[in-house]
Amino acid sequence: MEFQDKVVIITGATSGIGKEAVKQFSQEGAFLTLVDLDLDKLKETAKELHLADEMYILVEADVREEKQVQKYVQKTTEFFGDIDVLFNNAGVEGAIASIVDYPSEQLNQVIDVNVKGTFYGMKHVLQVMQKQKYGNIINMASTGGMKGMPETSVFGASKFAVIGLTKTAALENAEHGIRVNAIAPSMVNTPMMRQIENGLG
């Protein structure tokens, strides 16, 4: 199995693409750090996917808070040693509204989760990976970060930012043997996508 005994951190691990990633990496034999806001949901996910006790840890953390990001990185290295993969997946869609109607509090939430959360994850995992001289980071972008779409300005802007962060991190870390890439899904049947669809009406 390609990921046998590899150590993988997955943020936003309890739903959508994150949950499916947990399932797939688990089937490939990886050790997993599952990160999300709600410990009960993390426990439910581990139980539902029949994860073996010795193969995972659960970390309740808010990716908007740098100290909490440091916590999930530290717990991973304490429990498993090195870090092979970070899947920077946690994200929110925010309001579906035109720019003139967009609520400022949701602007802050989307930027904090999607941009700062991605940045903090890279910042602290890269410190580990640079010492190792290897590693892979996968950032969750979106086709919304490659082209504009009405009433999704802030979500789109956050994903444009993720792509920019990814390109910069890739250039900075190639010499350390670290690969940094972004994936940009189109419409996927996840709770986030259904929220967007409902907002667009």
Protein backbone atom coordinates (compact mmCIF):
# COMPACT_ATOMS: atom_id res chain seq x y z
CA MET A 1 0.00 0.00 0.00
CA GLU A 2 1.35 3.37 -1.07
CA PHE A 3 0.83 5.11 2.30
CA GLN A 4 1.65 2.18 4.58
CA ASP A 5 3.01 3.61 7.87
CA LYS A 6 3.07 7.17 6.51
CA VAL A 7 1.91 9.91 8.89
CA VAL A 8 -0.91 12.06 7.50
CA ILE A 9 -2.62 15.08 9.07
CA ILE A 10 -6.11 15.87 7.77
CA THR A 11 -7.92 19.05 8.82
CA GLY A 12 -11.67 19.33 8.41
CA ALA A 13 -11.71 15.57 8.89
CA THR A 14 -15.34 14.94 9.88
CA SER A 15 -17.25 15.68 6.67
CA GLY A 16 -17.12 15.93 2.90
CA ILE A 17 -13.79 15.55 1.16
CA GLY A 18 -11.90 15.50 4.47
CA LYS A 19 -13.84 12.49 5.73
CA GLU A 20 -13.38 10.67 2.44
CA ALA A 21 -9.65 11.41 2.63
CA VAL A 22 -9.56 9.84 6.10
CA LYS A 23 -11.21 6.73 4.68
CA GLN A 24 -8.85 6.46 1.73
CA PHE A 25 -5.63 7.12 3.64
CA SER A 26 -6.73 4.63 6.29
CA GLN A 27 -7.30 1.95 3.68
CA GLU A 28 -3.78 2.65 2.42
CA GLY A 29 -2.32 1.92 5.86
CA ALA A 30 -1.47 5.46 6.99
CA PHE A 31 -1.19 6.72 10.54
CA LEU A 32 -3.66 9.59 10.87
CA THR A 33 -4.11 12.79 12.83
CA LEU A 34 -7.74 13.86 12.44
CA VAL A 35 -8.33 17.54 13.14
CA ASP A 36 -11.67 19.31 13.48
CA LEU A 37 -13.61 21.67 15.74
CA ASP A 38 -15.77 19.08 17.50
CA LEU A 39 -14.24 16.15 19.40
CA ASP A 40 -17.51 14.23 19.45
CA LYS A 41 -17.75 14.41 15.66
CA LEU A 42 -14.14 13.27 15.41
CA LYS A 43 -14.96 10.26 17.59
CA GLU A 44 -18.03 9.49 15.46
CA THR A 45 -15.92 9.65 12.29
CA ALA A 46 -13.28 7.30 13.68
CA LYS A 47 -15.97 4.86 14.81
CA GLU A 48 -17.93 5.04 11.55
CA LEU A 49 -14.81 4.37 9.48
CA HIS A 50 -13.65 1.56 11.80
CA LEU A 51 -10.22 3.07 12.36
CA ALA A 52 -7.83 0.89 14.36
CA ASP A 53 -7.02 2.50 17.71
CA GLU A 54 -3.25 2.47 17.23
CA MET A 55 -3.51 4.08 13.79
CA TYR A 56 -4.94 7.49 14.64
CA ILE A 57 -5.19 10.37 17.07
CA LEU A 58 -7.94 12.97 17.33
CA VAL A 59 -7.18 16.64 17.89
CA GLU A 60 -9.92 19.18 18.55
CA ALA A 61 -8.58 22.42 17.09
CA ASP A 62 -9.64 25.64 15.40
CA VAL A 63 -7.38 26.26 12.42
CA ARG A 64 -7.98 30.01 12.74
CA GLU A 65 -5.92 30.00 15.95
CA GLU A 66 -2.18 29.63 15.46
CA LYS A 67 -1.59 28.10 18.89
CA GLN A 68 -4.19 25.42 18.16
CA VAL A 69 -2.49 24.64 14.86
CA GLN A 70 0.79 24.32 16.74
CA LYS A 71 -1.03 21.91 19.07
CA TYR A 72 -2.09 19.49 16.34
CA VAL A 73 1.39 19.56 14.82
CA GLN A 74 3.04 18.96 18.20
CA LYS A 75 0.66 16.14 19.12
CA THR A 76 1.35 14.47 15.77
CA THR A 77 5.12 14.53 16.21
CA GLU A 78 4.86 13.41 19.84
CA PHE A 79 2.66 10.45 18.93
CA PHE A 80 3.97 9.39 15.52
CA GLY A 81 7.35 11.08 15.05
CA ASP A 82 7.66 12.61 11.61
CA ILE A 83 4.97 14.06 9.32
CA ASP A 84 4.74 12.78 5.77
CA VAL A 85 1.59 14.53 4.53
CA LEU A 86 -0.52 17.52 5.52
CA PHE A 87 -3.93 17.75 3.87
CA ASN A 88 -4.94 21.36 4.57
CA ASN A 89 -8.63 20.72 3.96
CA ALA A 90 -10.61 22.70 6.57
CA GLY A 91 -12.72 25.40 4.95
CA VAL A 92 -15.98 27.32 5.00
CA GLU A 93 -18.08 28.73 2.18
CA GLY A 94 -19.34 31.91 3.89
CA ALA A 95 -22.32 33.91 2.73
CA ILE A 96 -23.77 33.67 -0.75
CA ALA A 97 -24.25 37.36 -1.48
CA SER A 98 -23.15 40.16 -3.77
CA ILE A 99 -20.16 42.23 -2.72
CA VAL A 100 -22.33 45.20 -1.73
CA ASP A 101 -24.46 42.99 0.55
CA TYR A 102 -21.70 40.84 2.00
CA PRO A 103 -21.69 40.73 5.86
CA SER A 104 -18.34 41.78 7.30
CA GLU A 105 -18.35 39.15 10.05
CA GLN A 106 -18.55 36.39 7.42
CA LEU A 107 -15.75 38.02 5.45
CA ASN A 108 -13.54 37.65 8.50
CA GLN A 109 -14.59 34.04 9.12
CA VAL A 110 -13.91 32.90 5.57
CA ILE A 111 -10.51 34.58 5.39
CA ASP A 112 -9.56 33.33 8.85
CA VAL A 113 -10.45 29.69 8.13
CA ASN A 114 -9.58 29.34 4.47
CA VAL A 115 -6.51 31.57 4.25
CA LYS A 116 -5.08 31.87 7.75
CA GLY A 117 -5.85 28.24 8.54
CA THR A 118 -4.01 27.12 5.42
CA PHE A 119 -1.11 29.46 6.14
CA TYR A 120 -0.72 28.40 9.78
CA GLY A 121 -0.85 24.72 8.82
CA MET A 122 1.93 25.17 6.29
CA LYS A 123 3.97 27.40 8.57
CA HIS A 124 4.19 24.87 11.38
CA VAL A 125 4.23 21.63 9.41
CA LEU A 126 6.95 22.99 7.11
CA GLN A 127 9.18 23.56 10.12
CA VAL A 128 9.00 19.81 10.79
CA MET A 129 9.34 18.83 7.15
CA GLN A 130 12.34 21.08 6.54
CA LYS A 131 14.21 19.26 9.32
CA GLN A 132 13.20 15.91 7.81
CA LYS A 133 14.15 17.02 4.29
CA TYR A 134 10.96 15.53 2.86
CA GLY A 135 7.19 15.82 2.94
CA ASN A 136 4.05 16.60 0.98
CA ILE A 137 1.48 19.32 1.56
CA ILE A 138 -1.87 19.37 -0.20
CA ASN A 139 -3.91 22.56 0.09
CA MET A 140 -7.63 22.61 -0.65
CA ALA A 141 -8.37 25.23 -3.28
CA SER A 142 -11.34 25.25 -5.67
CA THR A 143 -12.25 26.03 -9.23
CA GLY A 144 -13.74 29.10 -7.50
CA GLY A 145 -10.14 30.16 -6.90
CA MET A 146 -9.39 30.06 -10.61
CA LYS A 147 -12.31 32.02 -12.00
CA GLY A 148 -14.94 34.35 -10.61
CA MET A 149 -18.54 33.41 -9.93
CA PRO A 150 -21.33 35.81 -8.90
CA GLU A 151 -22.21 35.98 -5.20
CA THR A 152 -19.17 33.96 -4.09
CA SER A 153 -16.64 36.79 -3.99
CA VAL A 154 -15.08 36.09 -0.60
CA PHE A 155 -14.99 32.31 -0.98
CA GLY A 156 -13.39 32.76 -4.39
CA ALA A 157 -10.91 35.32 -3.09
CA SER A 158 -9.91 32.97 -0.27
CA LYS A 159 -9.24 30.17 -2.73
CA PHE A 160 -7.28 32.46 -5.06
CA ALA A 161 -5.18 33.21 -1.97
CA VAL A 162 -4.70 29.50 -1.24
CA ILE A 163 -3.37 28.99 -4.76
CA GLY A 164 -0.98 31.92 -4.32
CA LEU A 165 0.25 30.60 -0.97
CA THR A 166 0.73 27.16 -2.51
CA LYS A 167 2.83 28.43 -5.41
CA THR A 168 5.05 30.44 -3.08
CA ALA A 169 5.49 27.60 -0.60
CA ALA A 170 6.35 25.20 -3.42
CA LEU A 171 9.13 27.49 -4.64
CA GLU A 172 10.47 28.08 -1.14
CA ASN A 173 10.59 24.41 -0.19
CA ALA A 174 11.63 22.49 -3.31
CA GLU A 175 15.25 22.63 -2.14
CA HIS A 176 14.20 20.88 1.08
CA GLY A 177 12.67 17.94 -0.79
CA ILE A 178 9.12 19.07 0.04
CA ARG A 179 6.30 19.15 -2.47
CA VAL A 180 3.46 21.65 -2.02
CA ASN A 181 0.41 21.39 -4.26
CA ALA A 182 -3.20 22.56 -4.34
CA ILE A 183 -6.21 20.67 -5.60
CA ALA A 184 -9.11 22.59 -7.12
CA PRO A 185 -12.30 20.52 -7.16
CA SER A 186 -15.35 21.65 -9.05
CA MET A 187 -18.80 20.78 -7.69
CA VAL A 188 -18.65 17.84 -5.28
CA ASN A 189 -21.65 16.46 -3.39
CA THR A 190 -20.61 17.65 0.08
CA PRO A 191 -22.42 19.62 2.81
CA MET A 192 -20.48 22.75 1.77
CA MET A 193 -21.54 22.42 -1.85
CA ARG A 194 -25.18 21.97 -0.87
CA GLN A 195 -24.97 25.12 1.26
CA ILE A 196 -23.64 27.05 -1.74
CA GLU A 197 -26.33 25.66 -4.00
CA ASN A 198 -29.04 26.56 -1.47
CA GLY A 199 -27.66 30.09 -1.21
CA LEU A 200 -27.63 30.55 -4.96
CA GLY A 201 -31.23 29.31 -5.00
